[in-house]
Amino acid sequence: MGSFSIWHWLIVLAVVLLLFGRGKIPELMGDVAKGIKSFKKGMSDEESEAKTAERRSLDAHDGDVVSRDVKTEKTVG
C-alpha cells in the first residue's frame, strides 16, 4: 500500500512520455539547468554588490572619523 511496484512506475513513465514526447523532456531539463545557472549567477552578483557596499560604507565611515579629528584639532589649537 505504501510503495509502488515496477508496473506503477512503468505506467507513470509511459504517461509522461505520451504527454511530453521524447523531444520535450531534454528541452525542459535544459531550461531547468539554465534557470539554475541564472539563479547562481544572480546570487553571486548580489553577494559581490553587498561586499562592495559594505567596503564603501566602511571607507566613508573612516573618512568621517578623520575629518572629525581634524575639526577637533583646529578648534582646540
PDB file of N, CA and C in Angstrom:
ATOM      1  N   MET A   1       0.815  -1.190   0.000  1.00  0.00           N
ATOM      2  CA  MET A   1       0.000   0.000   0.000  1.00  0.00           C
ATOM      3  C   MET A   1       0.864   1.262   0.000  1.00  0.00           C
ATOM      4  N   GLY A   2       2.000   1.265   0.700  1.00  0.00           N
ATOM      5  CA  GLY A   2       2.830   2.452   0.815  1.00  0.00           C
ATOM      6  C   GLY A   2       3.842   2.599  -0.297  1.00  0.00           C
ATOM      7  N   SER A   3       4.170   1.515  -1.019  1.00  0.00           N
ATOM      8  CA  SER A   3       5.186   1.625  -2.061  1.00  0.00           C
ATOM      9  C   SER A   3       4.588   1.243  -3.410  1.00  0.00           C
ATOM     10  N   PHE A   4       5.211   1.720  -4.459  1.00  0.00           N
ATOM     11  CA  PHE A   4       4.753   1.429  -5.806  1.00  0.00           C
ATOM     12  C   PHE A   4       5.537   0.261  -6.374  1.00  0.00           C
ATOM     13  N   SER A   5       4.869  -0.538  -7.172  1.00  0.00           N
ATOM     14  CA  SER A   5       5.560  -1.641  -7.833  1.00  0.00           C
ATOM     15  C   SER A   5       6.169  -1.140  -9.136  1.00  0.00           C
ATOM     16  N   ILE A   6       6.921  -1.985  -9.787  1.00  0.00           N
ATOM     17  CA  ILE A   6       7.563  -1.613 -11.047  1.00  0.00           C
ATOM     18  C   ILE A   6       6.518  -1.273 -12.104  1.00  0.00           C
ATOM     19  N   TRP A   7       5.362  -1.929 -12.063  1.00  0.00           N
ATOM     20  CA  TRP A   7       4.311  -1.672 -13.041  1.00  0.00           C
ATOM     21  C   TRP A   7       3.751  -0.255 -12.887  1.00  0.00           C
ATOM     22  N   HIS A   8       3.635   0.213 -11.663  1.00  0.00           N
ATOM     23  CA  HIS A   8       3.158   1.582 -11.452  1.00  0.00           C
ATOM     24  C   HIS A   8       4.129   2.589 -12.071  1.00  0.00           C
ATOM     25  N   TRP A   9       5.417   2.376 -11.862  1.00  0.00           N
ATOM     26  CA  TRP A   9       6.418   3.293 -12.394  1.00  0.00           C
ATOM     27  C   TRP A   9       6.450   3.245 -13.922  1.00  0.00           C
ATOM     28  N   LEU A  10       6.268   2.070 -14.513  1.00  0.00           N
ATOM     29  CA  LEU A  10       6.237   1.960 -15.972  1.00  0.00           C
ATOM     30  C   LEU A  10       5.033   2.692 -16.559  1.00  0.00           C
ATOM     31  N   ILE A  11       3.904   2.600 -15.912  1.00  0.00           N
ATOM     32  CA  ILE A  11       2.708   3.321 -16.385  1.00  0.00           C
ATOM     33  C   ILE A  11       2.907   4.820 -16.272  1.00  0.00           C
ATOM     34  N   VAL A  12       3.476   5.280 -15.159  1.00  0.00           N
ATOM     35  CA  VAL A  12       3.751   6.711 -14.988  1.00  0.00           C
ATOM     36  C   VAL A  12       4.731   7.189 -16.067  1.00  0.00           C
ATOM     37  N   LEU A  13       5.761   6.424 -16.332  1.00  0.00           N
ATOM     38  CA  LEU A  13       6.732   6.784 -17.366  1.00  0.00           C
ATOM     39  C   LEU A  13       6.075   6.855 -18.733  1.00  0.00           C
ATOM     40  N   ALA A  14       5.208   5.910 -19.042  1.00  0.00           N
ATOM     41  CA  ALA A  14       4.507   5.911 -20.323  1.00  0.00           C
ATOM     42  C   ALA A  14       3.613   7.139 -20.453  1.00  0.00           C
ATOM     43  N   VAL A  15       2.904   7.507 -19.402  1.00  0.00           N
ATOM     44  CA  VAL A  15       2.036   8.685 -19.443  1.00  0.00           C
ATOM     45  C   VAL A  15       2.862   9.953 -19.636  1.00  0.00           C
ATOM     46  N   VAL A  16       3.973  10.052 -18.946  1.00  0.00           N
ATOM     47  CA  VAL A  16       4.837  11.232 -19.081  1.00  0.00           C
ATOM     48  C   VAL A  16       5.359  11.328 -20.507  1.00  0.00           C
ATOM     49  N   LEU A  17       5.807  10.200 -21.070  1.00  0.00           N
ATOM     50  CA  LEU A  17       6.306  10.222 -22.444  1.00  0.00           C
ATOM     51  C   LEU A  17       5.207  10.580 -23.437  1.00  0.00           C
ATOM     52  N   LEU A  18       3.994  10.129 -23.191  1.00  0.00           N
ATOM     53  CA  LEU A  18       2.886  10.481 -24.079  1.00  0.00           C
ATOM     54  C   LEU A  18       2.542  11.964 -23.999  1.00  0.00           C
ATOM     55  N   LEU A  19       2.586  12.520 -22.800  1.00  0.00           N
ATOM     56  CA  LEU A  19       2.234  13.934 -22.634  1.00  0.00           C
ATOM     57  C   LEU A  19       3.299  14.864 -23.199  1.00  0.00           C
ATOM     58  N   PHE A  20       4.556  14.581 -22.906  1.00  0.00           N
ATOM     59  CA  PHE A  20       5.629  15.498 -23.279  1.00  0.00           C
ATOM     60  C   PHE A  20       6.367  15.098 -24.549  1.00  0.00           C
ATOM     61  N   GLY A  21       6.334  13.850 -24.910  1.00  0.00           N
ATOM     62  CA  GLY A  21       7.073  13.400 -26.085  1.00  0.00           C
ATOM     63  C   GLY A  21       8.554  13.265 -25.767  1.00  0.00           C
ATOM     64  N   ARG A  22       9.276  12.641 -26.679  1.00  0.00           N
ATOM     65  CA  ARG A  22      10.701  12.396 -26.433  1.00  0.00           C
ATOM     66  C   ARG A  22      11.515  13.685 -26.490  1.00  0.00           C
ATOM     67  N   GLY A  23      11.152  14.605 -27.341  1.00  0.00           N
ATOM     68  CA  GLY A  23      11.947  15.822 -27.516  1.00  0.00           C
ATOM     69  C   GLY A  23      11.736  16.856 -26.424  1.00  0.00           C
ATOM     70  N   LYS A  24      10.600  16.836 -25.787  1.00  0.00           N
ATOM     71  CA  LYS A  24      10.269  17.861 -24.794  1.00  0.00           C
ATOM     72  C   LYS A  24      11.024  17.671 -23.491  1.00  0.00           C
ATOM     73  N   ILE A  25      11.258  16.450 -23.075  1.00  0.00           N
ATOM     74  CA  ILE A  25      11.893  16.211 -21.772  1.00  0.00           C
ATOM     75  C   ILE A  25      13.318  16.775 -21.736  1.00  0.00           C
ATOM     76  N   PRO A  26      14.182  16.495 -22.736  1.00  0.00           N
ATOM     77  CA  PRO A  26      15.515  17.123 -22.702  1.00  0.00           C
ATOM     78  C   PRO A  26      15.452  18.641 -22.780  1.00  0.00           C
ATOM     79  N   GLU A  27      14.478  19.151 -23.540  1.00  0.00           N
ATOM     80  CA  GLU A  27      14.307  20.603 -23.636  1.00  0.00           C
ATOM     81  C   GLU A  27      13.933  21.198 -22.274  1.00  0.00           C
ATOM     82  N   LEU A  28      13.025  20.543 -21.567  1.00  0.00           N
ATOM     83  CA  LEU A  28      12.628  21.007 -20.236  1.00  0.00           C
ATOM     84  C   LEU A  28      13.806  20.953 -19.262  1.00  0.00           C
ATOM     85  N   MET A  29      14.586  19.879 -19.336  1.00  0.00           N
ATOM     86  CA  MET A  29      15.737  19.753 -18.434  1.00  0.00           C
ATOM     87  C   MET A  29      16.784  20.826 -18.744  1.00  0.00           C
ATOM     88  N   GLY A  30      16.952  21.159 -20.021  1.00  0.00           N
ATOM     89  CA  GLY A  30      17.875  22.240 -20.390  1.00  0.00           C
ATOM     90  C   GLY A  30      17.412  23.577 -19.845  1.00  0.00           C
ATOM     91  N   ASP A  31      16.110  23.812 -19.898  1.00  0.00           N
ATOM     92  CA  ASP A  31      15.559  25.058 -19.354  1.00  0.00           C
ATOM     93  C   ASP A  31      15.754  25.128 -17.840  1.00  0.00           C
ATOM     94  N   VAL A  32      15.585  23.992 -17.181  1.00  0.00           N
ATOM     95  CA  VAL A  32      15.803  23.948 -15.732  1.00  0.00           C
ATOM     96  C   VAL A  32      17.265  24.246 -15.422  1.00  0.00           C
ATOM     97  N   ALA A  33      18.184  23.669 -16.194  1.00  0.00           N
ATOM     98  CA  ALA A  33      19.614  23.909 -15.966  1.00  0.00           C
ATOM     99  C   ALA A  33      19.962  25.385 -16.180  1.00  0.00           C
ATOM    100  N   LYS A  34      19.393  25.995 -17.215  1.00  0.00           N
ATOM    101  CA  LYS A  34      19.639  27.422 -17.458  1.00  0.00           C
ATOM    102  C   LYS A  34      19.114  28.274 -16.303  1.00  0.00           C
ATOM    103  N   GLY A  35      17.965  27.895 -15.785  1.00  0.00           N
ATOM    104  CA  GLY A  35      17.390  28.624 -14.654  1.00  0.00           C
ATOM    105  C   GLY A  35      18.266  28.530 -13.424  1.00  0.00           C
ATOM    106  N   ILE A  36      18.811  27.355 -13.165  1.00  0.00           N
ATOM    107  CA  ILE A  36      19.692  27.174 -12.005  1.00  0.00           C
ATOM    108  C   ILE A  36      20.963  27.995 -12.172  1.00  0.00           C
ATOM    109  N   LYS A  37      21.545  27.983 -13.373  1.00  0.00           N
ATOM    110  CA  LYS A  37      22.755  28.776 -13.619  1.00  0.00           C
ATOM    111  C   LYS A  37      22.479  30.265 -13.437  1.00  0.00           C
ATOM    112  N   SER A  38      21.336  30.718 -13.932  1.00  0.00           N
ATOM    113  CA  SER A  38      20.970  32.123 -13.794  1.00  0.00           C
ATOM    114  C   SER A  38      20.777  32.500 -12.328  1.00  0.00           C
ATOM    115  N   PHE A  39      20.155  31.614 -11.577  1.00  0.00           N
ATOM    116  CA  PHE A  39      19.949  31.853 -10.153  1.00  0.00           C
ATOM    117  C   PHE A  39      21.281  31.958  -9.416  1.00  0.00           C
ATOM    118  N   LYS A  40      22.204  31.036  -9.694  1.00  0.00           N
ATOM    119  CA  LYS A  40      23.520  31.064  -9.046  1.00  0.00           C
ATOM    120  C   LYS A  40      24.271  32.340  -9.410  1.00  0.00           C
ATOM    121  N   LYS A  41      24.198  32.758 -10.673  1.00  0.00           N
ATOM    122  CA  LYS A  41      24.874  33.981 -11.089  1.00  0.00           C
ATOM    123  C   LYS A  41      24.280  35.193 -10.375  1.00  0.00           C
ATOM    124  N   GLY A  42      22.969  35.225 -10.256  1.00  0.00           N
ATOM    125  CA  GLY A  42      22.312  36.325  -9.553  1.00  0.00           C
ATOM    126  C   GLY A  42      22.705  36.382  -8.087  1.00  0.00           C
ATOM    127  N   MET A  43      22.818  35.223  -7.458  1.00  0.00           N
ATOM    128  CA  MET A  43      23.218  35.185  -6.052  1.00  0.00           C
ATOM    129  C   MET A  43      24.653  35.672  -5.881  1.00  0.00           C
ATOM    130  N   SER A  44      25.560  35.264  -6.775  1.00  0.00           N
ATOM    131  CA  SER A  44      26.952  35.704  -6.650  1.00  0.00           C
ATOM    132  C   SER A  44      27.068  37.200  -6.939  1.00  0.00           C
ATOM    133  N   ASP A  45      26.292  37.717  -7.889  1.00  0.00           N
ATOM    134  CA  ASP A  45      26.299  39.158  -8.163  1.00  0.00           C
ATOM    135  C   ASP A  45      25.797  39.938  -6.956  1.00  0.00           C
ATOM    136  N   GLU A  46      24.766  39.424  -6.322  1.00  0.00           N
ATOM    137  CA  GLU A  46      24.193  40.083  -5.151  1.00  0.00           C
ATOM    138  C   GLU A  46      25.192  40.110  -3.994  1.00  0.00           C
ATOM    139  N   GLU A  47      25.920  39.001  -3.813  1.00  0.00           N
ATOM    140  CA  GLU A  47      26.917  38.955  -2.744  1.00  0.00           C
ATOM    141  C   GLU A  47      28.050  39.932  -3.017  1.00  0.00           C
ATOM    142  N   SER A  48      28.502  40.026  -4.279  1.00  0.00           N
ATOM    143  CA  SER A  48      29.590  40.951  -4.592  1.00  0.00           C
ATOM    144  C   SER A  48      29.138  42.398  -4.425  1.00  0.00           C
ATOM    145  N   GLU A  49      27.880  42.702  -4.767  1.00  0.00           N
ATOM    146  CA  GLU A  49      27.361  44.060  -4.564  1.00  0.00           C
ATOM    147  C   GLU A  49      27.280  44.396  -3.078  1.00  0.00           C
ATOM    148  N   ALA A  50      26.892  43.425  -2.270  1.00  0.00           N
ATOM    149  CA  ALA A  50      26.798  43.661  -0.829  1.00  0.00           C
ATOM    150  C   ALA A  50      28.185  43.912  -0.238  1.00  0.00           C
ATOM    151  N   LYS A  51      29.173  43.155  -0.687  1.00  0.00           N
ATOM    152  CA  LYS A  51      30.538  43.360  -0.195  1.00  0.00           C
ATOM    153  C   LYS A  51      31.062  44.726  -0.610  1.00  0.00           C
ATOM    154  N   THR A  52      30.772  45.133  -1.852  1.00  0.00           N
ATOM    155  CA  THR A  52      31.219  46.434  -2.326  1.00  0.00           C
ATOM    156  C   THR A  52      30.549  47.551  -1.528  1.00  0.00           C
ATOM    157  N   ALA A  53      29.274  47.424  -1.267  1.00  0.00           N
ATOM    158  CA  ALA A  53      28.557  48.432  -0.487  1.00  0.00           C
ATOM    159  C   ALA A  53      29.102  48.498   0.935  1.00  0.00           C
ATOM    160  N   GLU A  54      29.440  47.347   1.498  1.00  0.00           N
ATOM    161  CA  GLU A  54      29.997  47.325   2.860  1.00  0.00           C
ATOM    162  C   GLU A  54      31.354  48.016   2.890  1.00  0.00           C
ATOM    163  N   ARG A  55      32.182  47.762   1.862  1.00  0.00           N
ATOM    164  CA  ARG A  55      33.501  48.421   1.805  1.00  0.00           C
ATOM    165  C   ARG A  55      33.342  49.930   1.677  1.00  0.00           C
ATOM    166  N   ARG A  56      32.394  50.364   0.826  1.00  0.00           N
ATOM    167  CA  ARG A  56      32.176  51.804   0.659  1.00  0.00           C
ATOM    168  C   ARG A  56      31.697  52.434   1.960  1.00  0.00           C
ATOM    169  N   SER A  57      30.847  51.710   2.668  1.00  0.00           N
ATOM    170  CA  SER A  57      30.340  52.211   3.932  1.00  0.00           C
ATOM    171  C   SER A  57      31.465  52.360   4.946  1.00  0.00           C
ATOM    172  N   LEU A  58      32.332  51.350   4.996  1.00  0.00           N
ATOM    173  CA  LEU A  58      33.466  51.416   5.925  1.00  0.00           C
ATOM    174  C   LEU A  58      34.423  52.533   5.540  1.00  0.00           C
ATOM    175  N   ASP A  59      34.688  52.694   4.237  1.00  0.00           N
ATOM    176  CA  ASP A  59      35.580  53.763   3.789  1.00  0.00           C
ATOM    177  C   ASP A  59      34.994  55.132   4.112  1.00  0.00           C
ATOM    178  N   ALA A  60      33.696  55.295   3.897  1.00  0.00           N
ATOM    179  CA  ALA A  60      33.049  56.575   4.194  1.00  0.00           C
ATOM    180  C   ALA A  60      33.080  56.849   5.692  1.00  0.00           C
ATOM    181  N   HIS A  61      32.874  55.812   6.478  1.00  0.00           N
ATOM    182  CA  HIS A  61      32.897  55.969   7.929  1.00  0.00           C
ATOM    183  C   HIS A  61      34.302  56.350   8.394  1.00  0.00           C
ATOM    184  N   ASP A  62      35.328  55.725   7.840  1.00  0.00           N
ATOM    185  CA  ASP A  62      36.709  56.070   8.201  1.00  0.00           C
ATOM    186  C   ASP A  62      37.023  57.504   7.813  1.00  0.00           C
ATOM    187  N   GLY A  63      36.519  57.977   6.694  1.00  0.00           N
ATOM    188  CA  GLY A  63      36.732  59.356   6.268  1.00  0.00           C
ATOM    189  C   GLY A  63      36.071  60.335   7.220  1.00  0.00           C
ATOM    190  N   ASP A  64      34.891  60.001   7.735  1.00  0.00           N
ATOM    191  CA  ASP A  64      34.209  60.866   8.692  1.00  0.00           C
ATOM    192  C   ASP A  64      35.005  60.989   9.975  1.00  0.00           C
ATOM    193  N   VAL A  65      35.579  59.899  10.433  1.00  0.00           N
ATOM    194  CA  VAL A  65      36.348  59.920  11.679  1.00  0.00           C
ATOM    195  C   VAL A  65      37.571  60.802  11.520  1.00  0.00           C
ATOM    196  N   VAL A  66      38.250  60.700  10.378  1.00  0.00           N
ATOM    197  CA  VAL A  66      39.436  61.517  10.145  1.00  0.00           C
ATOM    198  C   VAL A  66      39.047  62.982  10.088  1.00  0.00           C
ATOM    199  N   SER A  67      37.980  63.326   9.395  1.00  0.00           N
ATOM    200  CA  SER A  67      37.599  64.725   9.292  1.00  0.00           C
ATOM    201  C   SER A  67      37.135  65.265  10.645  1.00  0.00           C
ATOM    202  N   ARG A  68      36.513  64.452  11.469  1.00  0.00           N
ATOM    203  CA  ARG A  68      36.117  64.907  12.795  1.00  0.00           C
ATOM    204  C   ARG A  68      37.345  65.197  13.644  1.00  0.00           C
ATOM    205  N   ASP A  69      38.374  64.347  13.533  1.00  0.00           N
ATOM    206  CA  ASP A  69      39.601  64.577  14.295  1.00  0.00           C
ATOM    207  C   ASP A  69      40.261  65.873  13.856  1.00  0.00           C
ATOM    208  N   VAL A  70      40.273  66.154  12.579  1.00  0.00           N
ATOM    209  CA  VAL A  70      40.884  67.382  12.071  1.00  0.00           C
ATOM    210  C   VAL A  70      40.110  68.588  12.578  1.00  0.00           C
ATOM    211  N   LYS A  71      38.783  68.532  12.562  1.00  0.00           N
ATOM    212  CA  LYS A  71      37.981  69.647  13.048  1.00  0.00           C
ATOM    213  C   LYS A  71      38.219  69.874  14.531  1.00  0.00           C
ATOM    214  N   THR A  72      38.349  68.811  15.301  1.00  0.00           N
ATOM    215  CA  THR A  72      38.589  68.935  16.729  1.00  0.00           C
ATOM    216  C   THR A  72      39.935  69.594  16.990  1.00  0.00           C
ATOM    217  N   GLU A  73      40.944  69.190  16.220  1.00  0.00           N
ATOM    218  CA  GLU A  73      42.275  69.769  16.413  1.00  0.00           C
ATOM    219  C   GLU A  73      42.277  71.253  16.086  1.00  0.00           C
ATOM    220  N   LYS A  74      41.537  71.654  15.063  1.00  0.00           N
ATOM    221  CA  LYS A  74      41.514  73.065  14.675  1.00  0.00           C
ATOM    222  C   LYS A  74      40.830  73.915  15.739  1.00  0.00           C
ATOM    223  N   THR A  75      39.767  73.426  16.325  1.00  0.00           N
ATOM    224  CA  THR A  75      39.064  74.231  17.326  1.00  0.00           C
ATOM    225  C   THR A  75      39.852  74.306  18.621  1.00  0.00           C
ATOM    226  N   VAL A  76      40.557  73.227  18.940  1.00  0.00           N
ATOM    227  CA  VAL A  76      41.332  73.232  20.180  1.00  0.00           C
ATOM    228  C   VAL A  76      42.586  74.083  20.012  1.00  0.00           C
ATOM    229  N   GLY A  77      43.257  73.948  18.884  1.00  0.00           N
ATOM    230  CA  GLY A  77      44.547  74.577  18.674  1.00  0.00           C
ATOM    231  C   GLY A  77      44.487  75.983  18.313  1.00  0.00           C
TER     232      GLY A  77
END
